[in-house]
Amino acid sequence: AKPHFSAAFDLPGEKVKTRMIEKRLAGGKMRMLDAVDYFNPTGGEAGLGLIRGRQAVDPNAWYFKAHFYQDPVQPGSLGLDALAQLLARAILLKGLDEGMSDPH
């Protein structure tokens, strides 16, 4: 079995403890993240946090048929949305939403 690409980043996977944040995040067909497998709230070069998420790619996903004709690729806009969803999780995991009535 091939190693997961994330092994190249030498980040140990760890369970992320979450509170009731799932209801605030994208769901259904627009959910571009399956899991956060690494989160360090003070990680990264600037110490502002480091997060890694993943999505299992389904070869039958709706966007493969809806993008380029006979060229099944994920639209770049969905990749950007995945980054926005990951950033939203980092914000919630760091507790930056505390005191906000509807942070989304």
PDB file of N, CA and C in Angstrom:
ATOM      1  N   ALA A   1       0.844  -1.188   0.000  1.00  0.00           N
ATOM      2  CA  ALA A   1       0.000   0.000   0.000  1.00  0.00           C
ATOM      3  C   ALA A   1       0.882   1.242   0.000  1.00  0.00           C
ATOM      4  N   LYS A   2       0.486   2.203  -0.808  1.00  0.00           N
ATOM      5  CA  LYS A   2       1.227   3.455  -0.878  1.00  0.00           C
ATOM      6  C   LYS A   2       0.960   4.280   0.378  1.00  0.00           C
ATOM      7  N   PRO A   3       1.977   4.975   0.890  1.00  0.00           N
ATOM      8  CA  PRO A   3       1.739   5.834   2.052  1.00  0.00           C
ATOM      9  C   PRO A   3       0.876   7.029   1.655  1.00  0.00           C
ATOM     10  N   HIS A   4       0.119   7.534   2.610  1.00  0.00           N
ATOM     11  CA  HIS A   4      -0.712   8.710   2.364  1.00  0.00           C
ATOM     12  C   HIS A   4       0.204   9.898   2.099  1.00  0.00           C
ATOM     13  N   PHE A   5      -0.189  10.781   1.174  1.00  0.00           N
ATOM     14  CA  PHE A   5       0.655  11.906   0.798  1.00  0.00           C
ATOM     15  C   PHE A   5       1.014  12.783   1.995  1.00  0.00           C
ATOM     16  N   SER A   6       0.163  12.816   3.011  1.00  0.00           N
ATOM     17  CA  SER A   6       0.413  13.692   4.155  1.00  0.00           C
ATOM     18  C   SER A   6       1.642  13.267   4.949  1.00  0.00           C
ATOM     19  N   ALA A   7       2.106  12.033   4.751  1.00  0.00           N
ATOM     20  CA  ALA A   7       3.309  11.590   5.447  1.00  0.00           C
ATOM     21  C   ALA A   7       4.504  12.463   5.069  1.00  0.00           C
ATOM     22  N   ALA A   8       4.469  13.049   3.886  1.00  0.00           N
ATOM     23  CA  ALA A   8       5.555  13.914   3.445  1.00  0.00           C
ATOM     24  C   ALA A   8       5.644  15.184   4.282  1.00  0.00           C
ATOM     25  N   PHE A   9       4.562  15.567   4.937  1.00  0.00           N
ATOM     26  CA  PHE A   9       4.558  16.785   5.737  1.00  0.00           C
ATOM     27  C   PHE A   9       4.980  16.532   7.177  1.00  0.00           C
ATOM     28  N   ASP A  10       5.191  15.281   7.547  1.00  0.00           N
ATOM     29  CA  ASP A  10       5.656  14.895   8.873  1.00  0.00           C
ATOM     30  C   ASP A  10       4.802  15.495   9.985  1.00  0.00           C
ATOM     31  N   LEU A  11       3.489  15.498   9.795  1.00  0.00           N
ATOM     32  CA  LEU A  11       2.568  15.965  10.822  1.00  0.00           C
ATOM     33  C   LEU A  11       1.882  14.752  11.421  1.00  0.00           C
ATOM     34  N   PRO A  12       2.026  14.547  12.710  1.00  0.00           N
ATOM     35  CA  PRO A  12       1.366  13.388  13.305  1.00  0.00           C
ATOM     36  C   PRO A  12      -0.137  13.570  13.307  1.00  0.00           C
ATOM     37  N   GLY A  13      -0.845  12.553  12.884  1.00  0.00           N
ATOM     38  CA  GLY A  13      -2.295  12.622  12.942  1.00  0.00           C
ATOM     39  C   GLY A  13      -2.753  12.576  14.384  1.00  0.00           C
ATOM     40  N   GLU A  14      -3.780  13.310  14.692  1.00  0.00           N
ATOM     41  CA  GLU A  14      -4.321  13.269  16.036  1.00  0.00           C
ATOM     42  C   GLU A  14      -5.815  13.516  15.984  1.00  0.00           C
ATOM     43  N   LYS A  15      -6.509  12.945  16.949  1.00  0.00           N
ATOM     44  CA  LYS A  15      -7.949  13.136  17.031  1.00  0.00           C
ATOM     45  C   LYS A  15      -8.216  14.582  17.419  1.00  0.00           C
ATOM     46  N   VAL A  16      -9.205  15.168  16.790  1.00  0.00           N
ATOM     47  CA  VAL A  16      -9.584  16.540  17.093  1.00  0.00           C
ATOM     48  C   VAL A  16     -10.847  16.514  17.932  1.00  0.00           C
ATOM     49  N   LYS A  17     -10.771  17.119  19.106  1.00  0.00           N
ATOM     50  CA  LYS A  17     -11.949  17.213  19.956  1.00  0.00           C
ATOM     51  C   LYS A  17     -12.758  18.422  19.511  1.00  0.00           C
ATOM     52  N   THR A  18     -14.024  18.192  19.233  1.00  0.00           N
ATOM     53  CA  THR A  18     -14.870  19.290  18.773  1.00  0.00           C
ATOM     54  C   THR A  18     -16.092  19.403  19.657  1.00  0.00           C
ATOM     55  N   ARG A  19     -16.672  20.586  19.642  1.00  0.00           N
ATOM     56  CA  ARG A  19     -17.955  20.765  20.306  1.00  0.00           C
ATOM     57  C   ARG A  19     -19.019  20.754  19.222  1.00  0.00           C
ATOM     58  N   MET A  20     -20.129  21.331  19.426  1.00  0.00           N
ATOM     59  CA  MET A  20     -21.234  21.271  18.467  1.00  0.00           C
ATOM     60  C   MET A  20     -20.997  22.222  17.296  1.00  0.00           C
ATOM     61  N   ILE A  21     -19.989  21.946  16.470  1.00  0.00           N
ATOM     62  CA  ILE A  21     -19.705  22.839  15.354  1.00  0.00           C
ATOM     63  C   ILE A  21     -20.210  22.296  14.029  1.00  0.00           C
ATOM     64  N   GLU A  22     -20.510  21.018  13.965  1.00  0.00           N
ATOM     65  CA  GLU A  22     -20.897  20.410  12.695  1.00  0.00           C
ATOM     66  C   GLU A  22     -22.115  21.089  12.077  1.00  0.00           C
ATOM     67  N   LYS A  23     -23.051  21.548  12.887  1.00  0.00           N
ATOM     68  CA  LYS A  23     -24.259  22.169  12.346  1.00  0.00           C
ATOM     69  C   LYS A  23     -23.965  23.491  11.653  1.00  0.00           C
ATOM     70  N   ARG A  24     -22.808  24.075  11.901  1.00  0.00           N
ATOM     71  CA  ARG A  24     -22.450  25.363  11.318  1.00  0.00           C
ATOM     72  C   ARG A  24     -21.679  25.226  10.006  1.00  0.00           C
ATOM     73  N   LEU A  25     -21.300  24.029   9.652  1.00  0.00           N
ATOM     74  CA  LEU A  25     -20.442  23.829   8.494  1.00  0.00           C
ATOM     75  C   LEU A  25     -21.226  23.302   7.301  1.00  0.00           C
ATOM     76  N   ALA A  26     -20.643  23.449   6.130  1.00  0.00           N
ATOM     77  CA  ALA A  26     -21.295  22.989   4.897  1.00  0.00           C
ATOM     78  C   ALA A  26     -21.610  21.505   4.983  1.00  0.00           C
ATOM     79  N   GLY A  27     -22.705  21.122   4.374  1.00  0.00           N
ATOM     80  CA  GLY A  27     -23.105  19.723   4.385  1.00  0.00           C
ATOM     81  C   GLY A  27     -23.599  19.286   3.025  1.00  0.00           C
ATOM     82  N   GLY A  28     -24.020  18.056   2.947  1.00  0.00           N
ATOM     83  CA  GLY A  28     -24.552  17.524   1.697  1.00  0.00           C
ATOM     84  C   GLY A  28     -23.518  17.518   0.593  1.00  0.00           C
ATOM     85  N   LYS A  29     -23.958  17.838  -0.602  1.00  0.00           N
ATOM     86  CA  LYS A  29     -23.069  17.807  -1.767  1.00  0.00           C
ATOM     87  C   LYS A  29     -21.966  18.859  -1.706  1.00  0.00           C
ATOM     88  N   MET A  30     -22.166  19.899  -0.909  1.00  0.00           N
ATOM     89  CA  MET A  30     -21.170  20.968  -0.849  1.00  0.00           C
ATOM     90  C   MET A  30     -20.112  20.758   0.236  1.00  0.00           C
ATOM     91  N   ARG A  31     -20.225  19.686   0.978  1.00  0.00           N
ATOM     92  CA  ARG A  31     -19.206  19.414   1.996  1.00  0.00           C
ATOM     93  C   ARG A  31     -17.957  18.888   1.298  1.00  0.00           C
ATOM     94  N   MET A  32     -16.879  19.618   1.412  1.00  0.00           N
ATOM     95  CA  MET A  32     -15.642  19.267   0.724  1.00  0.00           C
ATOM     96  C   MET A  32     -14.589  18.695   1.662  1.00  0.00           C
ATOM     97  N   LEU A  33     -14.933  18.522   2.947  1.00  0.00           N
ATOM     98  CA  LEU A  33     -14.007  17.946   3.920  1.00  0.00           C
ATOM     99  C   LEU A  33     -14.687  16.814   4.655  1.00  0.00           C
ATOM    100  N   ASP A  34     -13.988  15.703   4.773  1.00  0.00           N
ATOM    101  CA  ASP A  34     -14.508  14.581   5.551  1.00  0.00           C
ATOM    102  C   ASP A  34     -13.992  14.611   6.980  1.00  0.00           C
ATOM    103  N   ALA A  35     -12.792  15.113   7.173  1.00  0.00           N
ATOM    104  CA  ALA A  35     -12.200  15.079   8.505  1.00  0.00           C
ATOM    105  C   ALA A  35     -11.088  16.105   8.636  1.00  0.00           C
ATOM    106  N   VAL A  36     -10.874  16.528   9.856  1.00  0.00           N
ATOM    107  CA  VAL A  36      -9.679  17.285  10.221  1.00  0.00           C
ATOM    108  C   VAL A  36      -8.790  16.278  10.926  1.00  0.00           C
ATOM    109  N   ASP A  37      -7.641  15.990  10.341  1.00  0.00           N
ATOM    110  CA  ASP A  37      -6.788  14.974  10.951  1.00  0.00           C
ATOM    111  C   ASP A  37      -5.564  15.559  11.653  1.00  0.00           C
ATOM    112  N   TYR A  38      -5.410  16.866  11.618  1.00  0.00           N
ATOM    113  CA  TYR A  38      -4.356  17.518  12.387  1.00  0.00           C
ATOM    114  C   TYR A  38      -4.785  18.936  12.684  1.00  0.00           C
ATOM    115  N   PHE A  39      -4.618  19.360  13.925  1.00  0.00           N
ATOM    116  CA  PHE A  39      -4.893  20.741  14.310  1.00  0.00           C
ATOM    117  C   PHE A  39      -3.961  21.121  15.450  1.00  0.00           C
ATOM    118  N   ASN A  40      -3.238  22.197  15.258  1.00  0.00           N
ATOM    119  CA  ASN A  40      -2.382  22.753  16.299  1.00  0.00           C
ATOM    120  C   ASN A  40      -2.689  24.245  16.337  1.00  0.00           C
ATOM    121  N   PRO A  41      -3.380  24.723  17.371  1.00  0.00           N
ATOM    122  CA  PRO A  41      -3.823  26.118  17.397  1.00  0.00           C
ATOM    123  C   PRO A  41      -2.695  27.142  17.437  1.00  0.00           C
ATOM    124  N   THR A  42      -1.491  26.732  17.798  1.00  0.00           N
ATOM    125  CA  THR A  42      -0.364  27.663  17.812  1.00  0.00           C
ATOM    126  C   THR A  42       0.735  27.232  16.846  1.00  0.00           C
ATOM    127  N   GLY A  43       0.420  26.330  15.942  1.00  0.00           N
ATOM    128  CA  GLY A  43       1.412  25.827  14.998  1.00  0.00           C
ATOM    129  C   GLY A  43       1.649  26.784  13.843  1.00  0.00           C
ATOM    130  N   GLY A  44       2.451  26.352  12.935  1.00  0.00           N
ATOM    131  CA  GLY A  44       2.766  27.148  11.756  1.00  0.00           C
ATOM    132  C   GLY A  44       3.893  28.131  12.020  1.00  0.00           C
ATOM    133  N   GLU A  45       4.446  28.652  10.957  1.00  0.00           N
ATOM    134  CA  GLU A  45       5.591  29.548  11.044  1.00  0.00           C
ATOM    135  C   GLU A  45       5.299  30.803  11.863  1.00  0.00           C
ATOM    136  N   ALA A  46       4.084  31.343  11.739  1.00  0.00           N
ATOM    137  CA  ALA A  46       3.717  32.564  12.466  1.00  0.00           C
ATOM    138  C   ALA A  46       3.085  32.270  13.823  1.00  0.00           C
ATOM    139  N   GLY A  47       2.870  30.988  14.143  1.00  0.00           N
ATOM    140  CA  GLY A  47       2.268  30.632  15.419  1.00  0.00           C
ATOM    141  C   GLY A  47       0.778  30.893  15.498  1.00  0.00           C
ATOM    142  N   LEU A  48       0.139  31.073  14.347  1.00  0.00           N
ATOM    143  CA  LEU A  48      -1.295  31.371  14.319  1.00  0.00           C
ATOM    144  C   LEU A  48      -2.160  30.136  14.160  1.00  0.00           C
ATOM    145  N   GLY A  49      -1.543  28.984  13.958  1.00  0.00           N
ATOM    146  CA  GLY A  49      -2.289  27.741  13.833  1.00  0.00           C
ATOM    147  C   GLY A  49      -1.932  26.986  12.570  1.00  0.00           C
ATOM    148  N   LEU A  50      -2.113  25.681  12.650  1.00  0.00           N
ATOM    149  CA  LEU A  50      -1.860  24.795  11.520  1.00  0.00           C
ATOM    150  C   LEU A  50      -2.936  23.726  11.540  1.00  0.00           C
ATOM    151  N   ILE A  51      -3.559  23.516  10.398  1.00  0.00           N
ATOM    152  CA  ILE A  51      -4.660  22.560  10.314  1.00  0.00           C
ATOM    153  C   ILE A  51      -4.526  21.779   9.015  1.00  0.00           C
ATOM    154  N   ARG A  52      -4.918  20.517   9.055  1.00  0.00           N
ATOM    155  CA  ARG A  52      -4.915  19.684   7.847  1.00  0.00           C
ATOM    156  C   ARG A  52      -6.216  18.906   7.818  1.00  0.00           C
ATOM    157  N   GLY A  53      -6.878  18.941   6.677  1.00  0.00           N
ATOM    158  CA  GLY A  53      -8.115  18.195   6.498  1.00  0.00           C
ATOM    159  C   GLY A  53      -7.990  17.264   5.316  1.00  0.00           C
ATOM    160  N   ARG A  54      -8.974  16.395   5.188  1.00  0.00           N
ATOM    161  CA  ARG A  54      -8.957  15.478   4.041  1.00  0.00           C
ATOM    162  C   ARG A  54     -10.370  15.180   3.574  1.00  0.00           C
ATOM    163  N   GLN A  55     -10.438  14.787   2.331  1.00  0.00           N
ATOM    164  CA  GLN A  55     -11.690  14.351   1.724  1.00  0.00           C
ATOM    165  C   GLN A  55     -11.395  13.095   0.917  1.00  0.00           C
ATOM    166  N   ALA A  56     -12.195  12.065   1.122  1.00  0.00           N
ATOM    167  CA  ALA A  56     -12.092  10.865   0.292  1.00  0.00           C
ATOM    168  C   ALA A  56     -12.724  11.201  -1.056  1.00  0.00           C
ATOM    169  N   VAL A  57     -11.975  11.018  -2.112  1.00  0.00           N
ATOM    170  CA  VAL A  57     -12.475  11.366  -3.443  1.00  0.00           C
ATOM    171  C   VAL A  57     -13.332  10.233  -3.978  1.00  0.00           C
ATOM    172  N   ASP A  58     -14.572  10.557  -4.280  1.00  0.00           N
ATOM    173  CA  ASP A  58     -15.514   9.599  -4.858  1.00  0.00           C
ATOM    174  C   ASP A  58     -15.496   9.783  -6.374  1.00  0.00           C
ATOM    175  N   PRO A  59     -15.065   8.783  -7.137  1.00  0.00           N
ATOM    176  CA  PRO A  59     -15.007   8.939  -8.591  1.00  0.00           C
ATOM    177  C   PRO A  59     -16.372   9.178  -9.225  1.00  0.00           C
ATOM    178  N   ASN A  60     -17.445   8.932  -8.484  1.00  0.00           N
ATOM    179  CA  ASN A  60     -18.792   9.183  -9.002  1.00  0.00           C
ATOM    180  C   ASN A  60     -19.396  10.477  -8.470  1.00  0.00           C
ATOM    181  N   ALA A  61     -18.588  11.332  -7.867  1.00  0.00           N
ATOM    182  CA  ALA A  61     -19.093  12.587  -7.307  1.00  0.00           C
ATOM    183  C   ALA A  61     -19.746  13.431  -8.402  1.00  0.00           C
ATOM    184  N   TRP A  62     -20.749  14.179  -8.006  1.00  0.00           N
ATOM    185  CA  TRP A  62     -21.553  14.968  -8.950  1.00  0.00           C
ATOM    186  C   TRP A  62     -20.720  15.942  -9.774  1.00  0.00           C
ATOM    187  N   TYR A  63     -19.693  16.523  -9.192  1.00  0.00           N
ATOM    188  CA  TYR A  63     -18.947  17.572  -9.889  1.00  0.00           C
ATOM    189  C   TYR A  63     -18.086  17.030 -11.021  1.00  0.00           C
ATOM    190  N   PHE A  64     -17.731  15.746 -10.994  1.00  0.00           N
ATOM    191  CA  PHE A  64     -16.957  15.195 -12.101  1.00  0.00           C
ATOM    192  C   PHE A  64     -17.765  15.185 -13.393  1.00  0.00           C
ATOM    193  N   LYS A  65     -19.067  14.934 -13.273  1.00  0.00           N
ATOM    194  CA  LYS A  65     -19.928  14.908 -14.463  1.00  0.00           C
ATOM    195  C   LYS A  65     -20.384  16.305 -14.867  1.00  0.00           C
ATOM    196  N   ALA A  66     -20.313  17.257 -13.945  1.00  0.00           N
ATOM    197  CA  ALA A  66     -20.850  18.593 -14.200  1.00  0.00           C
ATOM    198  C   ALA A  66     -19.794  19.598 -14.651  1.00  0.00           C
ATOM    199  N   HIS A  67     -18.547  19.183 -14.747  1.00  0.00           N
ATOM    200  CA  HIS A  67     -17.490  20.129 -15.111  1.00  0.00           C
ATOM    201  C   HIS A  67     -17.153  19.970 -16.598  1.00  0.00           C
ATOM    202  N   PHE A  68     -15.915  19.789 -16.959  1.00  0.00           N
ATOM    203  CA  PHE A  68     -15.536  19.694 -18.366  1.00  0.00           C
ATOM    204  C   PHE A  68     -16.068  18.410 -19.004  1.00  0.00           C
ATOM    205  N   TYR A  69     -16.584  18.517 -20.207  1.00  0.00           N
ATOM    206  CA  TYR A  69     -17.112  17.370 -20.944  1.00  0.00           C
ATOM    207  C   TYR A  69     -15.995  16.353 -21.177  1.00  0.00           C
ATOM    208  N   GLN A  70     -16.222  15.125 -20.756  1.00  0.00           N
ATOM    209  CA  GLN A  70     -15.301  13.994 -20.905  1.00  0.00           C
ATOM    210  C   GLN A  70     -13.918  14.248 -20.292  1.00  0.00           C
ATOM    211  N   ASP A  71     -13.853  15.118 -19.319  1.00  0.00           N
ATOM    212  CA  ASP A  71     -12.601  15.389 -18.613  1.00  0.00           C
ATOM    213  C   ASP A  71     -12.930  15.539 -17.130  1.00  0.00           C
ATOM    214  N   PRO A  72     -13.068  14.410 -16.422  1.00  0.00           N
ATOM    215  CA  PRO A  72     -13.537  14.446 -15.037  1.00  0.00           C
ATOM    216  C   PRO A  72     -12.496  15.011 -14.063  1.00  0.00           C
ATOM    217  N   VAL A  73     -12.599  16.296 -13.812  1.00  0.00           N
ATOM    218  CA  VAL A  73     -11.737  16.947 -12.827  1.00  0.00           C
ATOM    219  C   VAL A  73     -12.614  17.702 -11.830  1.00  0.00           C
ATOM    220  N   GLN A  74     -12.071  17.897 -10.640  1.00  0.00           N
ATOM    221  CA  GLN A  74     -12.793  18.693  -9.650  1.00  0.00           C
ATOM    222  C   GLN A  74     -12.617  20.164 -10.010  1.00  0.00           C
ATOM    223  N   PRO A  75     -13.692  20.929 -10.057  1.00  0.00           N
ATOM    224  CA  PRO A  75     -13.566  22.355 -10.355  1.00  0.00           C
ATOM    225  C   PRO A  75     -12.692  23.062  -9.318  1.00  0.00           C
ATOM    226  N   GLY A  76     -11.877  23.975  -9.778  1.00  0.00           N
ATOM    227  CA  GLY A  76     -11.018  24.730  -8.873  1.00  0.00           C
ATOM    228  C   GLY A  76     -11.799  25.484  -7.819  1.00  0.00           C
ATOM    229  N   SER A  77     -13.001  25.929  -8.172  1.00  0.00           N
ATOM    230  CA  SER A  77     -13.818  26.664  -7.202  1.00  0.00           C
ATOM    231  C   SER A  77     -14.171  25.787  -6.003  1.00  0.00           C
ATOM    232  N   LEU A  78     -14.325  24.475  -6.218  1.00  0.00           N
ATOM    233  CA  LEU A  78     -14.620  23.578  -5.101  1.00  0.00           C
ATOM    234  C   LEU A  78     -13.378  23.350  -4.240  1.00  0.00           C
ATOM    235  N   GLY A  79     -12.211  23.386  -4.856  1.00  0.00           N
ATOM    236  CA  GLY A  79     -10.977  23.320  -4.078  1.00  0.00           C
ATOM    237  C   GLY A  79     -10.836  24.540  -3.179  1.00  0.00           C
ATOM    238  N   LEU A  80     -11.190  25.712  -3.718  1.00  0.00           N
ATOM    239  CA  LEU A  80     -11.172  26.927  -2.903  1.00  0.00           C
ATOM    240  C   LEU A  80     -12.206  26.852  -1.795  1.00  0.00           C
ATOM    241  N   ASP A  81     -13.365  26.271  -2.095  1.00  0.00           N
ATOM    242  CA  ASP A  81     -14.398  26.109  -1.074  1.00  0.00           C
ATOM    243  C   ASP A  81     -13.914  25.174   0.027  1.00  0.00           C
ATOM    244  N   ALA A  82     -13.176  24.134  -0.345  1.00  0.00           N
ATOM    245  CA  ALA A  82     -12.616  23.225   0.659  1.00  0.00           C
ATOM    246  C   ALA A  82     -11.670  23.981   1.591  1.00  0.00           C
ATOM    247  N   LEU A  83     -10.864  24.879   1.027  1.00  0.00           N
ATOM    248  CA  LEU A  83      -9.969  25.684   1.865  1.00  0.00           C
ATOM    249  C   LEU A  83     -10.760  26.592   2.798  1.00  0.00           C
ATOM    250  N   ALA A  84     -11.839  27.193   2.289  1.00  0.00           N
ATOM    251  CA  ALA A  84     -12.687  28.047   3.127  1.00  0.00           C
ATOM    252  C   ALA A  84     -13.334  27.231   4.243  1.00  0.00           C
ATOM    253  N   GLN A  85     -13.762  26.003   3.933  1.00  0.00           N
ATOM    254  CA  GLN A  85     -14.358  25.140   4.952  1.00  0.00           C
ATOM    255  C   GLN A  85     -13.318  24.753   6.005  1.00  0.00           C
ATOM    256  N   LEU A  86     -12.096  24.512   5.575  1.00  0.00           N
ATOM    257  CA  LEU A  86     -11.033  24.173   6.518  1.00  0.00           C
ATOM    258  C   LEU A  86     -10.713  25.374   7.411  1.00  0.00           C
ATOM    259  N   LEU A  87     -10.680  26.562   6.838  1.00  0.00           N
ATOM    260  CA  LEU A  87     -10.452  27.771   7.625  1.00  0.00           C
ATOM    261  C   LEU A  87     -11.583  27.982   8.629  1.00  0.00           C
ATOM    262  N   ALA A  88     -12.824  27.726   8.207  1.00  0.00           N
ATOM    263  CA  ALA A  88     -13.964  27.849   9.122  1.00  0.00           C
ATOM    264  C   ALA A  88     -13.809  26.894  10.297  1.00  0.00           C
ATOM    265  N   ARG A  89     -13.348  25.691  10.028  1.00  0.00           N
ATOM    266  CA  ARG A  89     -13.133  24.736  11.126  1.00  0.00           C
ATOM    267  C   ARG A  89     -12.039  25.225  12.059  1.00  0.00           C
ATOM    268  N   ALA A  90     -10.972  25.775  11.506  1.00  0.00           N
ATOM    269  CA  ALA A  90      -9.893  26.289  12.350  1.00  0.00           C
ATOM    270  C   ALA A  90     -10.401  27.414  13.248  1.00  0.00           C
ATOM    271  N   ILE A  91     -11.214  28.293  12.691  1.00  0.00           N
ATOM    272  CA  ILE A  91     -11.786  29.397  13.472  1.00  0.00           C
ATOM    273  C   ILE A  91     -12.621  28.854  14.622  1.00  0.00           C
ATOM    274  N   LEU A  92     -13.456  27.862  14.324  1.00  0.00           N
ATOM    275  CA  LEU A  92     -14.309  27.281  15.359  1.00  0.00           C
ATOM    276  C   LEU A  92     -13.494  26.503  16.386  1.00  0.00           C
ATOM    277  N   LEU A  93     -12.499  25.747  15.926  1.00  0.00           N
ATOM    278  CA  LEU A  93     -11.676  24.968  16.849  1.00  0.00           C
ATOM    279  C   LEU A  93     -10.834  25.855  17.765  1.00  0.00           C
ATOM    280  N   LYS A  94     -10.429  27.019  17.261  1.00  0.00           N
ATOM    281  CA  LYS A  94      -9.671  27.956  18.094  1.00  0.00           C
ATOM    282  C   LYS A  94     -10.581  28.730  19.043  1.00  0.00           C
ATOM    283  N   GLY A  95     -11.901  28.609  18.848  1.00  0.00           N
ATOM    284  CA  GLY A  95     -12.839  29.311  19.720  1.00  0.00           C
ATOM    285  C   GLY A  95     -13.016  30.773  19.377  1.00  0.00           C
ATOM    286  N   LEU A  96     -12.626  31.167  18.171  1.00  0.00           N
ATOM    287  CA  LEU A  96     -12.750  32.566  17.774  1.00  0.00           C
ATOM    288  C   LEU A  96     -14.198  32.990  17.563  1.00  0.00           C
ATOM    289  N   ASP A  97     -15.097  32.019  17.573  1.00  0.00           N
ATOM    290  CA  ASP A  97     -16.519  32.313  17.411  1.00  0.00           C
ATOM    291  C   ASP A  97     -17.210  32.574  18.744  1.00  0.00           C
ATOM    292  N   GLU A  98     -16.500  32.409  19.852  1.00  0.00           N
ATOM    293  CA  GLU A  98     -17.115  32.591  21.171  1.00  0.00           C
ATOM    294  C   GLU A  98     -17.711  33.991  21.277  1.00  0.00           C
ATOM    295  N   GLY A  99     -18.920  34.054  21.776  1.00  0.00           N
ATOM    296  CA  GLY A  99     -19.599  35.331  21.950  1.00  0.00           C
ATOM    297  C   GLY A  99     -20.365  35.801  20.731  1.00  0.00           C
ATOM    298  N   MET A 100     -20.266  35.080  19.626  1.00  0.00           N
ATOM    299  CA  MET A 100     -21.024  35.431  18.425  1.00  0.00           C
ATOM    300  C   MET A 100     -22.303  34.613  18.413  1.00  0.00           C
ATOM    301  N   SER A 101     -23.412  35.250  18.085  1.00  0.00           N
ATOM    302  CA  SER A 101     -24.680  34.522  18.107  1.00  0.00           C
ATOM    303  C   SER A 101     -24.834  33.589  16.913  1.00  0.00           C
ATOM    304  N   ASP A 102     -24.306  33.953  15.759  1.00  0.00           N
ATOM    305  CA  ASP A 102     -24.454  33.124  14.563  1.00  0.00           C
ATOM    306  C   ASP A 102     -23.217  33.269  13.683  1.00  0.00           C
ATOM    307  N   PRO A 103     -22.101  32.670  14.072  1.00  0.00           N
ATOM    308  CA  PRO A 103     -20.846  32.860  13.334  1.00  0.00           C
ATOM    309  C   PRO A 103     -20.752  31.999  12.082  1.00  0.00           C
ATOM    310  N   HIS A 104     -21.142  32.527  10.955  1.00  0.00           N
ATOM    311  CA  HIS A 104     -20.956  31.812   9.697  1.00  0.00           C
ATOM    312  C   HIS A 104     -20.816  32.773   8.564  1.00  0.00           C
TER     313      HIS A 104
END
